[in-house]
Amino acid sequence: MSEEQENPQENKPIDLSKNQNPEPAPFQPLDQGPATPPPFQQPPPFQQPPFGQFGGGFGQQSLPNATVVLVLGILSIAFCCCYGVFGLIPAIIALVLSKKDRILYATNPALYTLSSYKNLNAGRVCAIIGLVLNILSLLYYIFIIVMFGMGMLSDPHKMEQILKGLQ
């Protein structure tokens, strides 16, 4: 060992007058990197898989109408008590928007997050339930209006006859 290696804690000036000819490095092809990384250098980061492979989360975005469809689906259920008319509108809008977003997701599923797709499906299910409830509610109110219009519900004797006929 040289004197500098034995006492590394001492600060000695470097003598540049000494003619030190280091040995030439062995031949290394240019297309390959160094055999070992230089000291105190971090290794290169791991290579990312190609976009879309393994459902990578990098660069994913939510579906454009997923939240809107969910809100409209819930509103369609809530509005089924409003004579069946006001709940039909958000249910139909939610179903149209969900169809567009489902096509969008089917073309490139790796581009969109799975949670937004689940929200889209939940909104679609709520819209279908709201649509059915609103149609049933609308039919019920139409039935009531028709029965009053015909005067059957205003006359108790006619109502008894109808009920006896159903038995």
N, C-alpha and C. Protein backbone atom coordinates (compact mmCIF):
# COMPACT_ATOMS: atom_id res chain seq x y z
N MET A 1 0.83 -1.19 0.00
CA MET A 1 0.00 0.00 0.00
C MET A 1 0.87 1.24 0.00
N SER A 2 0.36 2.25 -0.65
CA SER A 2 1.12 3.49 -0.68
C SER A 2 0.84 4.28 0.59
N GLU A 3 1.58 5.31 0.74
CA GLU A 3 1.47 6.13 1.94
C GLU A 3 0.12 6.83 2.03
N GLU A 4 -0.46 7.24 0.90
CA GLU A 4 -1.74 7.92 0.90
C GLU A 4 -2.88 6.98 1.28
N GLN A 5 -2.76 5.70 0.92
CA GLN A 5 -3.81 4.75 1.23
C GLN A 5 -3.76 4.35 2.70
N GLU A 6 -2.59 4.39 3.30
CA GLU A 6 -2.48 4.01 4.71
C GLU A 6 -3.09 5.07 5.61
N ASN A 7 -2.95 6.33 5.31
CA ASN A 7 -3.47 7.42 6.12
C ASN A 7 -4.44 8.26 5.27
N PRO A 8 -5.66 7.78 5.10
CA PRO A 8 -6.58 8.54 4.25
C PRO A 8 -7.09 9.80 4.92
N GLN A 9 -6.94 9.95 6.22
CA GLN A 9 -7.48 11.10 6.91
C GLN A 9 -6.62 12.34 6.76
N GLU A 10 -5.39 12.15 6.41
CA GLU A 10 -4.51 13.30 6.24
C GLU A 10 -4.78 13.97 4.90
N ASN A 11 -4.75 15.27 4.88
CA ASN A 11 -4.92 16.03 3.64
C ASN A 11 -3.56 16.46 3.16
N LYS A 12 -3.10 15.79 2.13
CA LYS A 12 -1.81 16.13 1.56
C LYS A 12 -2.05 16.68 0.17
N PRO A 13 -1.29 17.66 -0.23
CA PRO A 13 -1.44 18.16 -1.59
C PRO A 13 -0.97 17.11 -2.60
N ILE A 14 -1.55 17.13 -3.73
CA ILE A 14 -1.20 16.18 -4.78
C ILE A 14 -0.04 16.76 -5.56
N ASP A 15 0.94 15.92 -5.76
CA ASP A 15 2.11 16.35 -6.50
C ASP A 15 1.89 16.02 -7.97
N LEU A 16 1.70 17.06 -8.78
CA LEU A 16 1.45 16.86 -10.19
C LEU A 16 2.73 16.72 -11.00
N SER A 17 3.85 16.93 -10.35
CA SER A 17 5.11 16.84 -11.08
C SER A 17 5.51 15.39 -11.31
N LYS A 18 4.94 14.51 -10.51
CA LYS A 18 5.25 13.10 -10.71
C LYS A 18 4.61 12.65 -12.02
N ASN A 19 5.35 11.92 -12.75
CA ASN A 19 4.87 11.44 -14.04
C ASN A 19 4.22 10.08 -13.81
N GLN A 20 2.93 10.11 -13.66
CA GLN A 20 2.21 8.87 -13.44
C GLN A 20 1.50 8.51 -14.73
N ASN A 21 1.86 7.44 -15.29
CA ASN A 21 1.21 6.96 -16.51
C ASN A 21 0.33 5.78 -16.13
N PRO A 22 -0.97 6.04 -16.04
CA PRO A 22 -1.83 4.91 -15.70
C PRO A 22 -1.90 3.94 -16.87
N GLU A 23 -2.22 2.71 -16.54
CA GLU A 23 -2.32 1.70 -17.58
C GLU A 23 -3.54 2.02 -18.45
N PRO A 24 -3.44 1.81 -19.74
CA PRO A 24 -4.59 2.08 -20.60
C PRO A 24 -5.72 1.11 -20.28
N ALA A 25 -6.91 1.59 -20.41
CA ALA A 25 -8.09 0.76 -20.13
C ALA A 25 -8.22 -0.30 -21.21
N PRO A 26 -8.74 -1.47 -20.83
CA PRO A 26 -8.92 -2.50 -21.85
C PRO A 26 -9.95 -2.05 -22.88
N PHE A 27 -9.84 -2.59 -24.07
CA PHE A 27 -10.73 -2.21 -25.16
C PHE A 27 -12.17 -2.59 -24.82
N GLN A 28 -13.06 -1.64 -25.02
CA GLN A 28 -14.47 -1.87 -24.76
C GLN A 28 -15.27 -1.38 -25.96
N PRO A 29 -16.21 -2.20 -26.48
CA PRO A 29 -17.00 -1.74 -27.63
C PRO A 29 -17.83 -0.51 -27.28
N LEU A 30 -18.08 0.34 -28.28
CA LEU A 30 -18.79 1.58 -28.04
C LEU A 30 -20.28 1.37 -27.79
N ASP A 31 -20.87 0.29 -28.34
CA ASP A 31 -22.31 0.12 -28.20
C ASP A 31 -22.70 -0.44 -26.83
N GLN A 32 -21.73 -0.86 -26.03
CA GLN A 32 -22.03 -1.35 -24.69
C GLN A 32 -21.63 -0.30 -23.67
N GLY A 33 -22.38 -0.24 -22.59
CA GLY A 33 -22.04 0.68 -21.52
C GLY A 33 -20.86 0.16 -20.73
N PRO A 34 -20.45 0.88 -19.72
CA PRO A 34 -19.33 0.40 -18.90
C PRO A 34 -19.72 -0.90 -18.20
N ALA A 35 -18.72 -1.74 -17.96
CA ALA A 35 -18.97 -3.03 -17.33
C ALA A 35 -19.53 -2.84 -15.92
N THR A 36 -19.00 -1.90 -15.20
CA THR A 36 -19.52 -1.57 -13.87
C THR A 36 -19.81 -0.08 -13.86
N PRO A 37 -20.89 0.33 -13.18
CA PRO A 37 -21.17 1.78 -13.16
C PRO A 37 -20.11 2.52 -12.37
N PRO A 38 -19.89 3.76 -12.73
CA PRO A 38 -18.91 4.54 -11.97
C PRO A 38 -19.36 4.67 -10.52
N PRO A 39 -18.43 4.89 -9.61
CA PRO A 39 -18.82 4.98 -8.20
C PRO A 39 -19.73 6.17 -7.94
N PHE A 40 -20.60 6.04 -6.98
CA PHE A 40 -21.53 7.07 -6.53
C PHE A 40 -22.54 7.48 -7.59
N GLN A 41 -22.79 6.61 -8.54
CA GLN A 41 -23.79 6.90 -9.55
C GLN A 41 -24.93 5.90 -9.38
N GLN A 42 -26.14 6.43 -9.44
CA GLN A 42 -27.29 5.56 -9.29
C GLN A 42 -27.48 4.73 -10.55
N PRO A 43 -27.95 3.50 -10.36
CA PRO A 43 -28.20 2.69 -11.55
C PRO A 43 -29.37 3.28 -12.34
N PRO A 44 -29.46 2.98 -13.61
CA PRO A 44 -30.57 3.53 -14.40
C PRO A 44 -31.90 2.98 -13.91
N PRO A 45 -32.99 3.73 -14.05
CA PRO A 45 -34.29 3.25 -13.57
C PRO A 45 -34.75 2.04 -14.38
N PHE A 46 -35.63 1.28 -13.78
CA PHE A 46 -36.16 0.11 -14.47
C PHE A 46 -36.94 0.58 -15.68
N GLN A 47 -36.88 -0.20 -16.72
CA GLN A 47 -37.58 0.17 -17.93
C GLN A 47 -39.08 -0.07 -17.74
N GLN A 48 -39.88 0.92 -18.10
CA GLN A 48 -41.32 0.82 -17.97
C GLN A 48 -41.87 -0.09 -19.06
N PRO A 49 -42.92 -0.89 -18.73
CA PRO A 49 -43.52 -1.70 -19.79
C PRO A 49 -44.21 -0.80 -20.80
N PRO A 50 -44.44 -1.30 -21.99
CA PRO A 50 -45.12 -0.48 -23.01
C PRO A 50 -46.48 -0.05 -22.51
N PHE A 51 -46.95 1.08 -23.05
CA PHE A 51 -48.21 1.66 -22.60
C PHE A 51 -49.35 0.68 -22.83
N GLY A 52 -50.16 0.47 -21.82
CA GLY A 52 -51.32 -0.39 -21.94
C GLY A 52 -51.06 -1.82 -21.52
N GLN A 53 -49.80 -2.21 -21.40
CA GLN A 53 -49.51 -3.57 -20.99
C GLN A 53 -49.62 -3.67 -19.49
N PHE A 54 -50.22 -4.72 -19.00
CA PHE A 54 -50.43 -4.98 -17.58
C PHE A 54 -51.32 -3.94 -16.92
N GLY A 55 -52.08 -3.19 -17.66
CA GLY A 55 -53.00 -2.20 -17.11
C GLY A 55 -52.30 -1.13 -16.31
N GLY A 56 -51.16 -0.67 -16.79
CA GLY A 56 -50.38 0.32 -16.06
C GLY A 56 -51.17 1.56 -15.71
N GLY A 57 -50.94 2.11 -14.53
CA GLY A 57 -51.70 3.25 -14.07
C GLY A 57 -51.17 4.57 -14.59
N PHE A 58 -50.01 4.55 -15.24
CA PHE A 58 -49.41 5.79 -15.68
C PHE A 58 -50.17 6.35 -16.88
N GLY A 59 -50.63 7.57 -16.78
CA GLY A 59 -51.29 8.22 -17.89
C GLY A 59 -52.75 7.88 -18.04
N GLN A 60 -53.32 7.17 -17.07
CA GLN A 60 -54.73 6.84 -17.18
C GLN A 60 -55.57 8.01 -16.72
N GLN A 61 -56.75 8.09 -17.29
CA GLN A 61 -57.68 9.15 -16.92
C GLN A 61 -59.04 8.53 -16.69
N SER A 62 -59.91 9.27 -16.05
CA SER A 62 -61.25 8.74 -15.81
C SER A 62 -62.12 8.95 -17.05
N LEU A 63 -63.14 8.14 -17.16
CA LEU A 63 -64.06 8.28 -18.28
C LEU A 63 -64.77 9.63 -18.19
N PRO A 64 -65.01 10.30 -19.28
CA PRO A 64 -65.52 11.67 -19.23
C PRO A 64 -66.88 11.83 -18.55
N ASN A 65 -67.77 10.85 -18.70
CA ASN A 65 -69.13 11.02 -18.18
C ASN A 65 -69.47 10.05 -17.05
N ALA A 66 -68.48 9.39 -16.45
CA ALA A 66 -68.76 8.37 -15.45
C ALA A 66 -69.48 8.96 -14.23
N THR A 67 -69.01 10.07 -13.73
CA THR A 67 -69.63 10.68 -12.55
C THR A 67 -71.00 11.24 -12.89
N VAL A 68 -71.14 11.82 -14.06
CA VAL A 68 -72.43 12.38 -14.48
C VAL A 68 -73.47 11.27 -14.60
N VAL A 69 -73.08 10.14 -15.16
CA VAL A 69 -74.00 9.01 -15.30
C VAL A 69 -74.43 8.50 -13.93
N LEU A 70 -73.48 8.42 -13.00
CA LEU A 70 -73.81 7.96 -11.65
C LEU A 70 -74.80 8.90 -10.96
N VAL A 71 -74.57 10.19 -11.06
CA VAL A 71 -75.46 11.17 -10.44
C VAL A 71 -76.84 11.13 -11.08
N LEU A 72 -76.89 11.07 -12.41
CA LEU A 72 -78.19 11.03 -13.10
C LEU A 72 -78.95 9.73 -12.79
N GLY A 73 -78.23 8.63 -12.65
CA GLY A 73 -78.88 7.37 -12.30
C GLY A 73 -79.50 7.42 -10.92
N ILE A 74 -78.78 8.01 -9.97
CA ILE A 74 -79.32 8.16 -8.61
C ILE A 74 -80.52 9.11 -8.61
N LEU A 75 -80.42 10.20 -9.35
CA LEU A 75 -81.54 11.15 -9.42
C LEU A 75 -82.77 10.53 -10.07
N SER A 76 -82.57 9.64 -11.03
CA SER A 76 -83.73 9.00 -11.67
C SER A 76 -84.47 8.12 -10.67
N ILE A 77 -83.76 7.49 -9.76
CA ILE A 77 -84.43 6.69 -8.72
C ILE A 77 -85.15 7.62 -7.74
N ALA A 78 -84.50 8.71 -7.38
CA ALA A 78 -85.10 9.63 -6.41
C ALA A 78 -86.34 10.32 -6.99
N PHE A 79 -86.37 10.56 -8.29
CA PHE A 79 -87.50 11.27 -8.89
C PHE A 79 -88.64 10.35 -9.32
N CYS A 80 -88.58 9.07 -8.99
CA CYS A 80 -89.67 8.18 -9.40
C CYS A 80 -90.96 8.51 -8.66
N CYS A 81 -90.88 9.26 -7.58
CA CYS A 81 -92.07 9.67 -6.84
C CYS A 81 -92.75 10.88 -7.48
N CYS A 82 -92.12 11.49 -8.43
CA CYS A 82 -92.66 12.70 -9.07
C CYS A 82 -93.47 12.33 -10.30
N TYR A 83 -94.50 11.53 -10.12
CA TYR A 83 -95.43 11.14 -11.17
C TYR A 83 -94.79 10.37 -12.32
N GLY A 84 -93.55 9.95 -12.16
CA GLY A 84 -92.91 9.15 -13.18
C GLY A 84 -92.40 9.90 -14.38
N VAL A 85 -92.65 11.18 -14.44
CA VAL A 85 -92.24 11.95 -15.62
C VAL A 85 -90.84 12.53 -15.42
N PHE A 86 -90.62 13.13 -14.26
CA PHE A 86 -89.35 13.83 -14.03
C PHE A 86 -88.18 12.86 -13.86
N GLY A 87 -88.46 11.64 -13.51
CA GLY A 87 -87.39 10.66 -13.37
C GLY A 87 -86.99 10.00 -14.66
N LEU A 88 -87.86 10.04 -15.66
CA LEU A 88 -87.53 9.44 -16.96
C LEU A 88 -86.42 10.20 -17.66
N ILE A 89 -86.42 11.50 -17.52
CA ILE A 89 -85.46 12.34 -18.25
C ILE A 89 -84.02 12.04 -17.82
N PRO A 90 -83.69 12.08 -16.50
CA PRO A 90 -82.30 11.76 -16.15
C PRO A 90 -81.93 10.30 -16.44
N ALA A 91 -82.90 9.38 -16.35
CA ALA A 91 -82.60 7.97 -16.63
C ALA A 91 -82.21 7.79 -18.09
N ILE A 92 -82.94 8.41 -19.00
CA ILE A 92 -82.65 8.27 -20.43
C ILE A 92 -81.32 8.94 -20.77
N ILE A 93 -81.08 10.12 -20.21
CA ILE A 93 -79.80 10.81 -20.46
C ILE A 93 -78.64 9.97 -19.95
N ALA A 94 -78.79 9.39 -18.76
CA ALA A 94 -77.72 8.56 -18.18
C ALA A 94 -77.45 7.34 -19.05
N LEU A 95 -78.48 6.72 -19.59
CA LEU A 95 -78.27 5.54 -20.44
C LEU A 95 -77.58 5.90 -21.75
N VAL A 96 -77.91 7.04 -22.32
CA VAL A 96 -77.26 7.46 -23.56
C VAL A 96 -75.79 7.77 -23.31
N LEU A 97 -75.50 8.50 -22.24
CA LEU A 97 -74.11 8.83 -21.92
C LEU A 97 -73.30 7.58 -21.56
N SER A 98 -73.93 6.65 -20.85
CA SER A 98 -73.20 5.43 -20.48
C SER A 98 -72.88 4.59 -21.71
N LYS A 99 -73.76 4.59 -22.69
CA LYS A 99 -73.48 3.84 -23.91
C LYS A 99 -72.26 4.43 -24.63
N LYS A 100 -72.19 5.75 -24.70
CA LYS A 100 -71.05 6.39 -25.35
C LYS A 100 -69.74 6.09 -24.61
N ASP A 101 -69.78 6.15 -23.28
CA ASP A 101 -68.56 5.89 -22.51
C ASP A 101 -68.17 4.42 -22.53
N ARG A 102 -69.13 3.52 -22.60
CA ARG A 102 -68.80 2.10 -22.69
C ARG A 102 -68.09 1.80 -24.01
N ILE A 103 -68.53 2.44 -25.08
CA ILE A 103 -67.86 2.27 -26.37
C ILE A 103 -66.45 2.85 -26.30
N LEU A 104 -66.32 3.99 -25.65
CA LEU A 104 -65.02 4.63 -25.49
C LEU A 104 -64.07 3.74 -24.69
N TYR A 105 -64.58 3.12 -23.63
CA TYR A 105 -63.75 2.24 -22.81
C TYR A 105 -63.39 0.97 -23.57
N ALA A 106 -64.31 0.45 -24.37
CA ALA A 106 -64.05 -0.78 -25.11
C ALA A 106 -62.97 -0.60 -26.17
N THR A 107 -62.84 0.60 -26.73
CA THR A 107 -61.83 0.83 -27.76
C THR A 107 -60.42 0.83 -27.18
N ASN A 108 -60.25 1.35 -25.96
CA ASN A 108 -58.92 1.39 -25.35
C ASN A 108 -59.06 1.35 -23.83
N PRO A 109 -59.19 0.16 -23.24
CA PRO A 109 -59.40 0.08 -21.79
C PRO A 109 -58.19 0.51 -20.97
N ALA A 110 -56.98 0.43 -21.52
CA ALA A 110 -55.80 0.80 -20.76
C ALA A 110 -55.69 2.31 -20.56
N LEU A 111 -56.43 3.06 -21.34
CA LEU A 111 -56.35 4.52 -21.25
C LEU A 111 -57.16 5.07 -20.08
N TYR A 112 -58.13 4.29 -19.58
CA TYR A 112 -59.05 4.78 -18.56
C TYR A 112 -58.93 3.95 -17.28
N THR A 113 -59.24 4.57 -16.15
CA THR A 113 -59.13 3.89 -14.86
C THR A 113 -60.29 2.92 -14.67
N LEU A 114 -59.99 1.88 -13.91
CA LEU A 114 -61.01 0.86 -13.64
C LEU A 114 -62.09 1.41 -12.71
N SER A 115 -61.72 2.30 -11.81
CA SER A 115 -62.72 2.86 -10.89
C SER A 115 -63.76 3.71 -11.64
N SER A 116 -63.33 4.43 -12.66
CA SER A 116 -64.31 5.21 -13.41
C SER A 116 -65.23 4.30 -14.22
N TYR A 117 -64.71 3.16 -14.67
CA TYR A 117 -65.55 2.20 -15.39
C TYR A 117 -66.57 1.58 -14.43
N LYS A 118 -66.14 1.32 -13.20
CA LYS A 118 -67.08 0.78 -12.21
C LYS A 118 -68.15 1.81 -11.85
N ASN A 119 -67.77 3.07 -11.74
CA ASN A 119 -68.76 4.12 -11.50
C ASN A 119 -69.75 4.22 -12.66
N LEU A 120 -69.25 4.07 -13.87
CA LEU A 120 -70.11 4.11 -15.05
C LEU A 120 -71.12 2.97 -15.00
N ASN A 121 -70.66 1.77 -14.65
CA ASN A 121 -71.58 0.63 -14.58
C ASN A 121 -72.59 0.80 -13.45
N ALA A 122 -72.16 1.33 -12.31
CA ALA A 122 -73.09 1.56 -11.21
C ALA A 122 -74.14 2.59 -11.60
N GLY A 123 -73.74 3.65 -12.28
CA GLY A 123 -74.69 4.66 -12.75
C GLY A 123 -75.65 4.09 -13.78
N ARG A 124 -75.15 3.19 -14.61
CA ARG A 124 -76.01 2.56 -15.62
C ARG A 124 -77.06 1.68 -14.96
N VAL A 125 -76.64 0.91 -13.95
CA VAL A 125 -77.59 0.06 -13.22
C VAL A 125 -78.63 0.93 -12.51
N CYS A 126 -78.19 2.01 -11.87
CA CYS A 126 -79.14 2.92 -11.22
C CYS A 126 -80.10 3.53 -12.23
N ALA A 127 -79.61 3.87 -13.41
CA ALA A 127 -80.48 4.45 -14.44
C ALA A 127 -81.51 3.43 -14.92
N ILE A 128 -81.12 2.17 -15.06
CA ILE A 128 -82.07 1.14 -15.48
C ILE A 128 -83.13 0.93 -14.41
N ILE A 129 -82.70 0.86 -13.15
CA ILE A 129 -83.67 0.72 -12.05
C ILE A 129 -84.59 1.93 -12.00
N GLY A 130 -84.04 3.13 -12.13
CA GLY A 130 -84.85 4.34 -12.14
C GLY A 130 -85.81 4.37 -13.30
N LEU A 131 -85.37 3.90 -14.46
CA LEU A 131 -86.24 3.87 -15.63
C LEU A 131 -87.44 2.94 -15.40
N VAL A 132 -87.18 1.75 -14.85
CA VAL A 132 -88.27 0.80 -14.58
C VAL A 132 -89.23 1.37 -13.53
N LEU A 133 -88.68 1.93 -12.45
CA LEU A 133 -89.54 2.50 -11.40
C LEU A 133 -90.37 3.66 -11.94
N ASN A 134 -89.77 4.49 -12.76
CA ASN A 134 -90.50 5.64 -13.32
C ASN A 134 -91.58 5.20 -14.29
N ILE A 135 -91.32 4.17 -15.08
CA ILE A 135 -92.35 3.67 -16.00
C ILE A 135 -93.51 3.08 -15.20
N LEU A 136 -93.19 2.30 -14.16
CA LEU A 136 -94.26 1.75 -13.32
C LEU A 136 -95.07 2.85 -12.63
N SER A 137 -94.37 3.85 -12.14
CA SER A 137 -95.05 4.97 -11.49
C SER A 137 -95.93 5.73 -12.49
N LEU A 138 -95.42 5.94 -13.68
CA LEU A 138 -96.19 6.63 -14.71
C LEU A 138 -97.43 5.83 -15.10
N LEU A 139 -97.28 4.53 -15.25
CA LEU A 139 -98.43 3.68 -15.57
C LEU A 139 -99.47 3.68 -14.45
N TYR A 140 -99.00 3.69 -13.21
CA TYR A 140 -99.92 3.75 -12.08
C TYR A 140 -100.74 5.04 -12.11
N TYR A 141 -100.07 6.16 -12.31
CA TYR A 141 -100.79 7.44 -12.34
C TYR A 141 -101.70 7.57 -13.55
N ILE A 142 -101.31 7.01 -14.67
CA ILE A 142 -102.20 7.00 -15.84
C ILE A 142 -103.44 6.16 -15.54
N PHE A 143 -103.24 5.02 -14.89
CA PHE A 143 -104.37 4.17 -14.52
C PHE A 143 -105.33 4.92 -13.60
N ILE A 144 -104.79 5.62 -12.62
CA ILE A 144 -105.63 6.39 -11.68
C ILE A 144 -106.39 7.48 -12.43
N ILE A 145 -105.74 8.19 -13.32
CA ILE A 145 -106.39 9.27 -14.06
C ILE A 145 -107.49 8.72 -14.97
N VAL A 146 -107.22 7.60 -15.62
CA VAL A 146 -108.22 7.00 -16.50
C VAL A 146 -109.42 6.53 -15.69
N MET A 147 -109.16 5.95 -14.54
CA MET A 147 -110.27 5.46 -13.71
C MET A 147 -111.13 6.62 -13.21
N PHE A 148 -110.48 7.73 -12.82
CA PHE A 148 -111.26 8.90 -12.40
C PHE A 148 -112.00 9.51 -13.59
N GLY A 149 -111.38 9.49 -14.74
CA GLY A 149 -112.01 10.05 -15.93
C GLY A 149 -113.25 9.28 -16.34
N MET A 150 -113.22 7.99 -16.11
CA MET A 150 -114.37 7.17 -16.47
C MET A 150 -115.43 7.20 -15.36
N GLY A 151 -115.09 7.78 -14.24
CA GLY A 151 -116.03 7.89 -13.14
C GLY A 151 -116.15 6.62 -12.32
N MET A 152 -115.27 5.66 -12.51
CA MET A 152 -115.37 4.41 -11.78
C MET A 152 -114.95 4.56 -10.32
N LEU A 153 -113.97 5.39 -10.07
CA LEU A 153 -113.50 5.53 -8.70
C LEU A 153 -114.39 6.49 -7.89
N SER A 154 -115.16 7.31 -8.57
CA SER A 154 -116.03 8.24 -7.84
C SER A 154 -117.30 7.55 -7.35
N ASP A 155 -117.70 6.48 -7.99
CA ASP A 155 -118.91 5.77 -7.59
C ASP A 155 -118.50 4.49 -6.86
N PRO A 156 -118.82 4.38 -5.56
CA PRO A 156 -118.40 3.20 -4.79
C PRO A 156 -119.04 1.90 -5.29
N HIS A 157 -120.26 1.95 -5.83
CA HIS A 157 -120.92 0.73 -6.30
C HIS A 157 -120.22 0.17 -7.53
N LYS A 158 -119.77 1.03 -8.43
CA LYS A 158 -119.04 0.58 -9.61
C LYS A 158 -117.70 -0.02 -9.20
N MET A 159 -117.08 0.57 -8.18
CA MET A 159 -115.79 0.06 -7.70
C MET A 159 -115.96 -1.32 -7.10
N GLU A 160 -117.04 -1.54 -6.36
CA GLU A 160 -117.30 -2.87 -5.79
C GLU A 160 -117.49 -3.90 -6.89
N GLN A 161 -118.18 -3.53 -7.93
CA GLN A 161 -118.40 -4.44 -9.06
C GLN A 161 -117.10 -4.81 -9.73
N ILE A 162 -116.22 -3.82 -9.88
CA ILE A 162 -114.91 -4.08 -10.50
C ILE A 162 -114.09 -5.02 -9.64
N LEU A 163 -114.10 -4.78 -8.33
CA LEU A 163 -113.34 -5.63 -7.42
C LEU A 163 -113.90 -7.04 -7.35
N LYS A 164 -115.21 -7.19 -7.41
CA LYS A 164 -115.81 -8.52 -7.42
C LYS A 164 -115.49 -9.26 -8.71
N GLY A 165 -115.40 -8.50 -9.79
CA GLY A 165 -115.06 -9.12 -11.08
C GLY A 165 -113.63 -9.59 -11.11
N LEU A 166 -112.74 -8.99 -10.34
CA LEU A 166 -111.34 -9.40 -10.29
C LEU A 166 -111.15 -10.68 -9.47
N GLN A 167 -112.09 -10.97 -8.59
CA GLN A 167 -111.93 -12.15 -7.72
C GLN A 167 -112.25 -13.38 -8.42
